[in-house]
Structure formats: structure tokens, C-alpha cells
Amino acid sequence: MDATLRAALMLVRLVAACIMVVGLLDTGLYVTRCYEPGSTVPVRVLPIVLNSIPFVIGIGVWIRAKAIARWVADKFE
């Protein structure tokens, strides 16, 4: 594995991890807001599903990281 491919793979994995963290934080903040004492916000499934979409996209990017990294490495060269 050459240096550009390794750098591209690290970049793609970093981006995927950041996307997953954003999805987890969005979902966690929504659920926390629903369960805090005195809150009148009901727990709904649709906002939880919508806030979880970035996490699912991040998992997909992480799984396909090698192919995306090859594409990015070709763009670097």
C-alpha cells in the first residue's frame, strides 16, 4: 500500500467516524431532551430514525472505505 492510498484511507475513515459521531450525538440529544425531567416533548420514532441516518451513512462509508480511498487516491495523483 503506497502513501497516497494509506493517507486517503485514513481520511475516508476519519470522515466516516465523524459522520457516525454526528448521528449518535443528534440521536442522543433528542432522546435526552425527551427524557429530561419536566419535559413535555414526547418520544417519537420518526425524529430518532431521521437523526440516525448519518450514523447509517457513516457505517456504509466505513465499510466501503477501501474503494472510496482508491478513488480519492487517484484524485490525489
N, C-alpha and C. Protein backbone atom coordinates (compact mmCIF):
# COMPACT_ATOMS: atom_id res chain seq x y z
N MET A 1 0.85 -1.17 0.00
CA MET A 1 0.00 0.00 0.00
C MET A 1 0.90 1.24 0.00
N ASP A 2 0.71 2.08 -1.00
CA ASP A 2 1.55 3.27 -1.08
C ASP A 2 1.02 4.38 -0.18
N ALA A 3 1.77 5.45 -0.09
CA ALA A 3 1.48 6.51 0.88
C ALA A 3 0.18 7.25 0.56
N THR A 4 -0.09 7.50 -0.73
CA THR A 4 -1.32 8.23 -1.05
C THR A 4 -2.56 7.40 -0.74
N LEU A 5 -2.50 6.10 -1.00
CA LEU A 5 -3.63 5.24 -0.69
C LEU A 5 -3.84 5.13 0.82
N ARG A 6 -2.76 5.04 1.55
CA ARG A 6 -2.86 4.96 3.02
C ARG A 6 -3.43 6.26 3.59
N ALA A 7 -2.97 7.40 3.07
CA ALA A 7 -3.49 8.69 3.52
C ALA A 7 -4.96 8.85 3.16
N ALA A 8 -5.33 8.42 1.98
CA ALA A 8 -6.73 8.51 1.56
C ALA A 8 -7.60 7.60 2.41
N LEU A 9 -7.11 6.42 2.75
CA LEU A 9 -7.88 5.51 3.59
C LEU A 9 -8.07 6.09 4.99
N MET A 10 -7.04 6.70 5.53
CA MET A 10 -7.17 7.33 6.85
C MET A 10 -8.16 8.50 6.79
N LEU A 11 -8.11 9.27 5.71
CA LEU A 11 -9.03 10.39 5.55
C LEU A 11 -10.49 9.91 5.45
N VAL A 12 -10.72 8.88 4.66
CA VAL A 12 -12.08 8.35 4.50
C VAL A 12 -12.59 7.78 5.81
N ARG A 13 -11.74 7.06 6.53
CA ARG A 13 -12.17 6.50 7.82
C ARG A 13 -12.44 7.61 8.84
N LEU A 14 -11.65 8.67 8.82
CA LEU A 14 -11.88 9.79 9.72
C LEU A 14 -13.22 10.46 9.42
N VAL A 15 -13.50 10.68 8.15
CA VAL A 15 -14.77 11.29 7.76
C VAL A 15 -15.93 10.39 8.16
N ALA A 16 -15.80 9.08 7.95
CA ALA A 16 -16.87 8.15 8.32
C ALA A 16 -17.09 8.17 9.83
N ALA A 17 -16.02 8.20 10.60
CA ALA A 17 -16.16 8.24 12.06
C ALA A 17 -16.82 9.53 12.51
N CYS A 18 -16.48 10.65 11.89
CA CYS A 18 -17.10 11.93 12.25
C CYS A 18 -18.58 11.93 11.91
N ILE A 19 -18.94 11.36 10.78
CA ILE A 19 -20.36 11.28 10.41
C ILE A 19 -21.12 10.41 11.40
N MET A 20 -20.52 9.30 11.82
CA MET A 20 -21.18 8.43 12.80
C MET A 20 -21.35 9.14 14.14
N VAL A 21 -20.34 9.90 14.55
CA VAL A 21 -20.43 10.63 15.82
C VAL A 21 -21.55 11.67 15.76
N VAL A 22 -21.67 12.36 14.64
CA VAL A 22 -22.74 13.35 14.48
C VAL A 22 -24.11 12.68 14.60
N GLY A 23 -24.27 11.54 13.97
CA GLY A 23 -25.55 10.82 14.06
C GLY A 23 -25.85 10.38 15.47
N LEU A 24 -24.84 9.86 16.16
CA LEU A 24 -25.06 9.43 17.55
C LEU A 24 -25.37 10.61 18.46
N LEU A 25 -24.68 11.72 18.27
CA LEU A 25 -24.94 12.90 19.10
C LEU A 25 -26.33 13.46 18.85
N ASP A 26 -26.75 13.53 17.59
CA ASP A 26 -28.09 14.03 17.29
C ASP A 26 -29.16 13.16 17.94
N THR A 27 -29.02 11.87 17.79
CA THR A 27 -30.00 10.95 18.37
C THR A 27 -29.97 11.02 19.89
N GLY A 28 -28.80 11.04 20.46
CA GLY A 28 -28.67 11.09 21.91
C GLY A 28 -29.22 12.37 22.50
N LEU A 29 -28.97 13.49 21.84
CA LEU A 29 -29.51 14.76 22.33
C LEU A 29 -31.03 14.79 22.25
N TYR A 30 -31.60 14.23 21.20
CA TYR A 30 -33.05 14.19 21.09
C TYR A 30 -33.67 13.32 22.19
N VAL A 31 -33.10 12.14 22.38
CA VAL A 31 -33.64 11.24 23.41
C VAL A 31 -33.45 11.84 24.80
N THR A 32 -32.33 12.48 25.04
CA THR A 32 -32.09 13.12 26.34
C THR A 32 -33.09 14.25 26.57
N ARG A 33 -33.36 15.02 25.52
CA ARG A 33 -34.34 16.10 25.65
C ARG A 33 -35.74 15.55 25.95
N CYS A 34 -36.06 14.40 25.40
CA CYS A 34 -37.38 13.81 25.64
C CYS A 34 -37.50 13.27 27.07
N TYR A 35 -36.43 12.78 27.64
CA TYR A 35 -36.49 12.14 28.95
C TYR A 35 -36.05 13.03 30.11
N GLU A 36 -35.71 14.29 29.85
CA GLU A 36 -35.31 15.13 30.97
C GLU A 36 -36.54 15.49 31.81
N PRO A 37 -36.34 15.64 33.10
CA PRO A 37 -37.48 15.90 33.99
C PRO A 37 -38.20 17.21 33.62
N GLY A 38 -39.50 17.15 33.62
CA GLY A 38 -40.31 18.32 33.31
C GLY A 38 -40.48 18.58 31.83
N SER A 39 -39.98 17.71 30.99
CA SER A 39 -40.08 17.89 29.55
C SER A 39 -41.46 17.45 29.07
N THR A 40 -42.02 18.21 28.16
CA THR A 40 -43.31 17.86 27.57
C THR A 40 -43.14 17.32 26.16
N VAL A 41 -41.91 17.11 25.74
CA VAL A 41 -41.64 16.60 24.39
C VAL A 41 -41.84 15.09 24.39
N PRO A 42 -42.79 14.58 23.59
CA PRO A 42 -42.97 13.13 23.56
C PRO A 42 -41.88 12.45 22.73
N VAL A 43 -41.61 11.20 23.03
CA VAL A 43 -40.64 10.43 22.26
C VAL A 43 -41.34 9.92 21.01
N ARG A 44 -40.83 10.30 19.87
CA ARG A 44 -41.38 9.87 18.59
C ARG A 44 -40.33 9.08 17.84
N VAL A 45 -40.80 8.15 17.03
CA VAL A 45 -39.87 7.28 16.30
C VAL A 45 -39.26 8.00 15.10
N LEU A 46 -40.04 8.79 14.40
CA LEU A 46 -39.55 9.43 13.17
C LEU A 46 -38.33 10.33 13.41
N PRO A 47 -38.33 11.21 14.43
CA PRO A 47 -37.11 12.01 14.64
C PRO A 47 -35.90 11.16 15.02
N ILE A 48 -36.11 10.07 15.74
CA ILE A 48 -35.00 9.19 16.09
C ILE A 48 -34.43 8.54 14.83
N VAL A 49 -35.32 8.09 13.94
CA VAL A 49 -34.87 7.47 12.69
C VAL A 49 -34.15 8.50 11.82
N LEU A 50 -34.70 9.70 11.71
CA LEU A 50 -34.07 10.74 10.89
C LEU A 50 -32.72 11.17 11.47
N ASN A 51 -32.62 11.24 12.78
CA ASN A 51 -31.34 11.61 13.39
C ASN A 51 -30.32 10.48 13.30
N SER A 52 -30.76 9.26 13.08
CA SER A 52 -29.84 8.12 12.96
C SER A 52 -29.32 7.91 11.55
N ILE A 53 -29.87 8.63 10.58
CA ILE A 53 -29.44 8.46 9.18
C ILE A 53 -27.94 8.73 9.00
N PRO A 54 -27.37 9.79 9.58
CA PRO A 54 -25.92 9.98 9.42
C PRO A 54 -25.09 8.82 9.97
N PHE A 55 -25.57 8.20 11.05
CA PHE A 55 -24.84 7.05 11.60
C PHE A 55 -24.82 5.90 10.59
N VAL A 56 -25.96 5.64 9.96
CA VAL A 56 -26.04 4.56 8.96
C VAL A 56 -25.18 4.89 7.75
N ILE A 57 -25.19 6.14 7.32
CA ILE A 57 -24.34 6.55 6.19
C ILE A 57 -22.86 6.39 6.55
N GLY A 58 -22.50 6.75 7.79
CA GLY A 58 -21.12 6.59 8.24
C GLY A 58 -20.68 5.15 8.25
N ILE A 59 -21.57 4.25 8.65
CA ILE A 59 -21.24 2.81 8.62
C ILE A 59 -21.02 2.36 7.17
N GLY A 60 -21.88 2.83 6.27
CA GLY A 60 -21.71 2.48 4.86
C GLY A 60 -20.40 2.98 4.28
N VAL A 61 -20.03 4.21 4.64
CA VAL A 61 -18.76 4.77 4.16
C VAL A 61 -17.59 3.99 4.77
N TRP A 62 -17.71 3.61 6.05
CA TRP A 62 -16.63 2.85 6.70
C TRP A 62 -16.45 1.49 6.02
N ILE A 63 -17.57 0.84 5.66
CA ILE A 63 -17.50 -0.47 5.01
C ILE A 63 -16.87 -0.34 3.63
N ARG A 64 -17.24 0.68 2.89
CA ARG A 64 -16.72 0.88 1.54
C ARG A 64 -15.47 1.77 1.52
N ALA A 65 -14.78 1.90 2.64
CA ALA A 65 -13.66 2.83 2.77
C ALA A 65 -12.54 2.52 1.78
N LYS A 66 -12.25 1.26 1.55
CA LYS A 66 -11.14 0.90 0.66
C LYS A 66 -11.41 1.36 -0.77
N ALA A 67 -12.63 1.14 -1.25
CA ALA A 67 -12.96 1.55 -2.62
C ALA A 67 -12.98 3.08 -2.74
N ILE A 68 -13.54 3.74 -1.75
CA ILE A 68 -13.57 5.20 -1.77
C ILE A 68 -12.15 5.76 -1.67
N ALA A 69 -11.30 5.12 -0.87
CA ALA A 69 -9.92 5.57 -0.72
C ALA A 69 -9.14 5.41 -2.03
N ARG A 70 -9.40 4.34 -2.75
CA ARG A 70 -8.74 4.19 -4.06
C ARG A 70 -9.14 5.33 -5.00
N TRP A 71 -10.44 5.67 -4.99
CA TRP A 71 -10.92 6.75 -5.84
C TRP A 71 -10.28 8.08 -5.43
N VAL A 72 -10.23 8.35 -4.13
CA VAL A 72 -9.63 9.58 -3.63
C VAL A 72 -8.13 9.61 -3.93
N ALA A 73 -7.45 8.48 -3.79
CA ALA A 73 -6.00 8.42 -4.08
C ALA A 73 -5.73 8.70 -5.55
N ASP A 74 -6.62 8.22 -6.42
CA ASP A 74 -6.47 8.54 -7.84
C ASP A 74 -6.65 10.04 -8.09
N LYS A 75 -7.53 10.67 -7.33
CA LYS A 75 -7.73 12.11 -7.48
C LYS A 75 -6.53 12.90 -6.92
N PHE A 76 -5.85 12.34 -5.90
CA PHE A 76 -4.67 12.99 -5.35
C PHE A 76 -3.52 13.01 -6.35
N GLU A 77 -3.40 11.95 -7.12
CA GLU A 77 -2.27 11.83 -8.06
C GLU A 77 -2.47 12.57 -9.33
